[in-house]
Protein backbone atom coordinates (compact mmCIF):
# COMPACT_ATOMS: atom_id res chain seq x y z
CA UNK A 1 -9.73 -8.68 0.58
CA UNK A 2 -7.87 -8.32 4.19
CA UNK A 3 -10.44 -7.92 6.92
CA UNK A 4 -9.98 -5.37 9.76
CA UNK A 5 -7.89 -7.52 12.78
CA UNK A 6 -8.17 -4.04 14.79
CA UNK A 7 -10.37 -1.22 15.22
CA UNK A 8 -9.75 1.56 17.33
CA UNK A 9 -12.86 3.65 17.57
CA UNK A 10 -12.59 7.67 19.73
CA UNK A 11 -10.00 6.21 22.02
CA UNK A 12 -8.72 9.15 24.87
CA UNK A 13 -6.86 8.46 27.82
CA UNK A 14 -6.70 10.92 30.63
CA UNK A 15 -4.33 10.22 33.81
CA UNK A 16 -4.76 12.19 36.98
CA UNK A 17 -1.18 13.25 38.27
CA UNK A 18 -0.25 14.40 41.55
CA UNK A 19 1.80 17.00 39.68
CA UNK A 20 0.02 18.20 36.54
CA UNK A 21 -3.48 17.25 37.60
CA UNK A 22 -5.66 16.06 34.68
CA UNK A 23 -3.21 14.90 31.72
CA UNK A 24 -4.82 14.19 28.60
CA UNK A 25 -2.46 11.65 26.87
CA UNK A 26 -4.57 10.49 24.16
CA UNK A 27 -7.14 12.18 22.29
CA UNK A 28 -10.03 10.79 20.08
CA UNK A 29 -7.92 8.15 18.05
CA UNK A 30 -9.51 6.03 15.34
CA UNK A 31 -7.51 3.68 13.80
CA UNK A 32 -8.37 0.64 11.71
CA UNK A 33 -5.84 -2.04 10.69
CA UNK A 34 -6.37 -4.94 8.38
CA UNK A 35 -5.54 -8.43 9.14
CA UNK A 36 -1.81 -9.15 8.27
CA UNK A 37 -0.66 -5.39 7.93
CA UNK A 38 2.32 -4.01 9.24
CA UNK A 39 1.90 -0.71 10.80
CA UNK A 40 4.17 1.68 12.83
CA UNK A 41 2.96 4.67 14.96
CA UNK A 42 5.67 7.73 15.26
CA UNK A 43 5.24 10.72 17.41
CA UNK A 44 7.21 12.73 19.54
CA UNK A 45 7.89 12.13 22.71
CA UNK A 46 5.19 12.01 25.35
CA UNK A 47 2.54 12.00 22.57
CA UNK A 48 0.98 8.77 23.93
CA UNK A 49 2.54 5.79 21.48
CA UNK A 50 3.21 3.38 23.79
CA UNK A 51 -0.35 4.02 25.84
CA UNK A 52 -2.13 3.43 22.33
CA UNK A 53 -0.09 0.30 22.16
CA UNK A 54 -0.82 -0.76 26.12
CA UNK A 55 -4.34 -0.09 25.47
CA UNK A 56 -4.34 -2.47 22.57
CA UNK A 57 -2.86 -5.12 24.65
CA UNK A 58 -5.44 -4.49 27.49
CA UNK A 59 -2.85 -3.25 30.07
CA UNK A 60 -4.15 0.16 30.17
CA UNK A 61 -7.77 1.08 30.13
CA UNK A 62 -8.97 3.61 27.57
CA UNK A 63 -11.05 6.73 29.11
CA UNK A 64 -13.41 6.77 26.31
CA UNK A 65 -13.85 4.85 23.16
CA UNK A 66 -13.25 1.06 22.62
CA UNK A 67 -10.95 -1.27 20.98
CA UNK A 68 -11.88 -4.24 18.95
CA UNK A 69 -9.93 -7.33 17.92
CA UNK A 70 -11.45 -9.59 15.47
CA UNK A 71 -14.82 -7.71 16.23
CA UNK A 72 -14.24 -8.51 20.34
CA UNK A 73 -14.21 -5.83 22.90
CA UNK A 74 -10.73 -5.57 24.26
CA UNK A 75 -11.11 -5.89 27.76
CA UNK A 76 -7.84 -7.32 29.22
CA UNK A 77 -4.27 -8.75 27.94
CA UNK A 78 -5.00 -11.97 25.99
CA UNK A 79 -3.22 -14.89 24.04
CA UNK A 80 -4.20 -13.16 20.80
CA UNK A 81 -1.77 -10.44 21.24
CA UNK A 82 1.89 -10.54 21.82
CA UNK A 83 3.97 -7.94 23.53
CA UNK A 84 7.53 -7.48 22.42
CA UNK A 85 9.25 -4.48 24.70
CA UNK A 86 12.50 -2.70 24.60
CA UNK A 87 13.00 -4.01 28.14
CA UNK A 88 13.68 -7.62 27.43
CA UNK A 89 11.77 -8.97 30.51
CA UNK A 90 13.27 -12.75 30.39
CA UNK A 91 13.30 -14.90 33.37
CA UNK A 92 16.88 -14.66 34.55
CA UNK A 93 16.71 -17.89 35.87
CA UNK A 94 15.94 -19.74 33.06
CA UNK A 95 17.83 -20.49 30.02
CA UNK A 96 17.03 -19.66 26.47
CA UNK A 97 15.02 -22.55 25.63
CA UNK A 98 13.14 -22.65 29.06
CA UNK A 99 12.03 -18.74 28.33
CA UNK A 100 10.73 -19.96 25.09
CA UNK A 101 9.03 -22.86 26.03
CA UNK A 102 7.26 -20.85 29.00
CA UNK A 103 3.96 -19.82 26.92
CA UNK A 104 3.23 -23.41 25.40
CA UNK A 105 3.92 -24.85 28.81
CA UNK A 106 1.14 -22.38 30.37
CA UNK A 107 -1.04 -23.49 27.58
CA UNK A 108 -1.09 -26.68 28.28
CA UNK A 109 1.46 -28.31 26.05
CA UNK A 110 3.45 -31.38 27.32
CA UNK A 111 7.06 -30.68 27.71
CA UNK A 112 8.28 -32.70 24.57
CA UNK A 113 5.52 -30.56 22.35
CA UNK A 114 6.82 -27.41 24.23
CA UNK A 115 10.35 -28.25 23.52
CA UNK A 116 9.85 -28.97 20.05
CA UNK A 117 8.23 -25.72 19.48
CA UNK A 118 10.69 -23.45 21.38
CA UNK A 119 13.57 -25.24 19.57
CA UNK A 120 11.78 -24.37 15.90
CA UNK A 121 11.43 -20.73 16.89
CA UNK A 122 15.27 -20.57 18.06
CA UNK A 123 16.26 -21.57 14.64
CA UNK A 124 14.01 -19.20 13.10
CA UNK A 125 15.78 -16.44 15.18
CA UNK A 126 19.36 -17.93 14.52
CA UNK A 127 19.81 -18.89 18.50
CA UNK A 128 19.52 -22.76 17.87
CA UNK A 129 23.32 -22.70 19.51
CA UNK A 130 22.25 -20.95 22.56
CA UNK A 131 19.36 -22.93 23.94
CA UNK A 132 21.53 -23.65 27.12
CA UNK A 133 22.73 -19.95 28.04
CA UNK A 134 21.23 -17.90 30.52
CA UNK A 135 19.91 -14.46 29.43
CA UNK A 136 23.06 -12.85 31.37
CA UNK A 137 25.10 -14.90 29.33
CA UNK A 138 23.54 -13.21 26.32
CA UNK A 139 24.32 -9.84 23.84
CA UNK A 140 21.26 -6.98 23.58
CA UNK A 141 20.40 -8.46 20.33
CA UNK A 142 20.57 -11.89 21.38
CA UNK A 143 18.17 -10.94 24.24
CA UNK A 144 15.81 -9.14 22.14
CA UNK A 145 15.69 -12.46 19.59
CA UNK A 146 14.55 -14.80 22.68
CA UNK A 147 11.87 -12.17 23.63
CA UNK A 148 10.57 -12.15 20.25
CA UNK A 149 10.46 -16.05 20.01
CA UNK A 150 9.29 -16.33 23.64
CA UNK A 151 6.26 -14.13 22.14
CA UNK A 152 5.98 -16.35 19.01
CA UNK A 153 5.58 -19.47 21.13
CA UNK A 154 2.11 -18.78 22.17
CA UNK A 155 0.69 -18.13 18.69
CA UNK A 156 -0.24 -14.59 19.15
CA UNK A 157 -2.24 -13.34 15.85
CA UNK A 158 -1.21 -9.37 16.77
CA UNK A 159 2.67 -8.57 17.67
CA UNK A 160 2.54 -5.42 19.87
CA UNK A 161 5.81 -3.94 19.53
CA UNK A 162 7.15 -0.99 21.58
CA UNK A 163 10.50 0.39 20.60
CA UNK A 164 11.94 -3.22 20.46
CA UNK A 165 15.30 -2.07 18.62
CA UNK A 166 15.81 1.13 20.10
CA UNK A 167 18.64 0.09 22.77
CA UNK A 168 20.86 -1.58 20.40
CA UNK A 169 23.43 -0.63 18.22
CA UNK A 170 22.97 0.41 14.64
CA UNK A 171 24.25 -2.84 12.98
CA UNK A 172 22.56 -5.06 15.65
CA UNK A 173 19.22 -3.07 15.13
CA UNK A 174 19.53 -3.35 11.19
CA UNK A 175 19.86 -7.21 11.35
CA UNK A 176 17.01 -7.53 13.54
CA UNK A 177 14.74 -5.21 11.57
CA UNK A 178 15.79 -7.70 8.59
CA UNK A 179 14.96 -10.89 10.42
CA UNK A 180 11.62 -9.22 11.80
CA UNK A 181 10.62 -9.03 8.02
CA UNK A 182 11.45 -12.48 7.21
CA UNK A 183 9.42 -13.69 10.33
CA UNK A 184 6.29 -11.29 9.17
CA UNK A 185 6.71 -12.53 5.76
CA UNK A 186 6.41 -15.86 6.89
CA UNK A 187 3.60 -15.91 9.40
CA UNK A 188 2.00 -12.60 7.82
CA UNK A 189 0.85 -11.48 11.77
CA UNK A 190 -0.74 -8.05 12.17
CA UNK A 191 1.88 -6.09 13.75
CA UNK A 192 1.94 -2.70 15.56
CA UNK A 193 4.97 -1.05 16.09
CA UNK A 194 6.11 1.87 17.97
CA UNK A 195 9.44 3.73 16.88
CA UNK A 196 11.15 7.06 16.69
CA UNK A 197 12.98 6.17 13.67
CA UNK A 198 11.35 7.43 10.70
CA UNK A 199 13.64 5.14 8.51
CA UNK A 200 13.03 2.20 10.55
CA UNK A 201 9.34 2.85 10.20
CA UNK A 202 9.36 3.52 6.41
CA UNK A 203 11.28 0.24 5.76
CA UNK A 204 9.22 -1.86 7.96
CA UNK A 205 5.54 -0.78 7.55
CA UNK A 206 2.91 -0.85 5.10
CA UNK A 207 1.69 2.23 6.81
CA UNK A 208 2.62 4.82 8.82
CA UNK A 209 0.60 6.84 11.54
CA UNK A 210 2.28 10.11 12.56
CA UNK A 211 0.93 11.36 15.81
CA UNK A 212 0.90 14.89 17.32
CA UNK A 213 2.83 16.29 20.07
CA UNK A 214 0.39 15.31 23.69
CA UNK A 215 -2.64 15.00 23.67
CA UNK A 216 -1.86 12.80 20.87
CA UNK A 217 -3.89 12.58 17.97
CA UNK A 218 -3.32 11.04 14.29
CA UNK A 219 -1.93 13.99 12.35
CA UNK A 220 -1.12 12.02 9.11
CA UNK A 221 -1.30 8.49 7.83
CA UNK A 222 1.33 7.35 5.19
CA UNK A 223 0.61 4.30 2.77
CA UNK A 224 4.07 3.03 1.97
CA UNK A 225 3.85 1.90 -1.51
CA UNK A 226 7.06 -0.16 -1.80
CA UNK A 227 7.69 -3.52 -2.78
CA UNK A 228 8.10 -6.73 -0.68
CA UNK A 229 10.50 -8.14 0.16
CA UNK A 230 12.08 -5.19 1.10
CA UNK A 231 15.95 -5.19 0.36
CA UNK A 232 17.38 -2.24 2.03
CA UNK A 233 20.30 -1.58 -0.34
CA UNK A 234 17.60 -1.30 -3.26
CA UNK A 235 15.48 1.06 -0.90
CA UNK A 236 18.27 3.39 -0.22
CA UNK A 237 18.37 3.80 -4.06
CA UNK A 238 14.75 4.21 -4.63
CA UNK A 239 13.30 7.72 -4.97
CA UNK A 240 10.04 6.45 -3.34
CA UNK A 241 11.81 5.33 -0.19
CA UNK A 242 13.58 8.79 -0.05
CA UNK A 243 10.39 10.77 -0.49
CA UNK A 244 8.59 8.93 2.25
CA UNK A 245 11.57 9.44 4.88
CA UNK A 246 11.75 13.26 3.82
CA UNK A 247 7.96 14.01 4.03
CA UNK A 248 7.63 12.01 7.60
CA UNK A 249 11.24 13.76 8.86
CA UNK A 250 9.86 17.07 7.50
CA UNK A 251 6.26 16.42 9.21
CA UNK A 252 8.07 15.61 12.49
CA UNK A 253 10.32 18.54 12.51
CA UNK A 254 7.39 20.80 12.25
CA UNK A 255 6.01 19.04 15.31
CA UNK A 256 9.49 19.54 17.27
CA UNK A 257 9.58 23.40 16.63
CA UNK A 258 5.96 23.98 17.52
CA UNK A 259 7.04 22.08 20.87
CA UNK A 260 9.99 24.30 21.23
């Protein structure tokens, strides 16, 4: 039986702002995520999805509650949690290979071992022929592949993904979704994935958490009972997939109407 990798217990986040005074971004969030699960977080803009991800990553401190990873309280960033953001944040002065090697070198691997690790991952993300290129010479999809490989290179147990495909065109986004599932299927890392796309969340996930408008709470959890490996063309014809998408879309639409 899978054990809980992540336990978020009673987490809230309050910001003091100059314009609006005290702003409650998150309110009393409690989530348990089993080891190896792929979960997505959906909700209206400004509901605190990214804030929750940053608290789990240790980049933002919760106002109340606590976050445990493998039973240990999160007090800051750590190599067990690997972020992949919409902004690629690659080192522009380093090549593709240099970007992916960075983490292993910082962990103390020899240059030879770091190079071997980086090249293995570049094969995994289909960029083995681009190791000498610089970020400015790559497309958006290729940059995101490099960012993913760079995060995987230092071996995190958890991937924290904040709308990583949100800025990409539809074709590239679909390809990267498929590639992400291939990588996840191989390593079965625990993934928390923030997205605005209902279809993306259902296609990728074991569970989908739908949040309310700000201050964000968990409104409903959907357990996605669809076969793996996921084949998009087959799922589009699967009534269960359609039902999940419709149910979540309706829930999201209700919240948009409430905001309006």
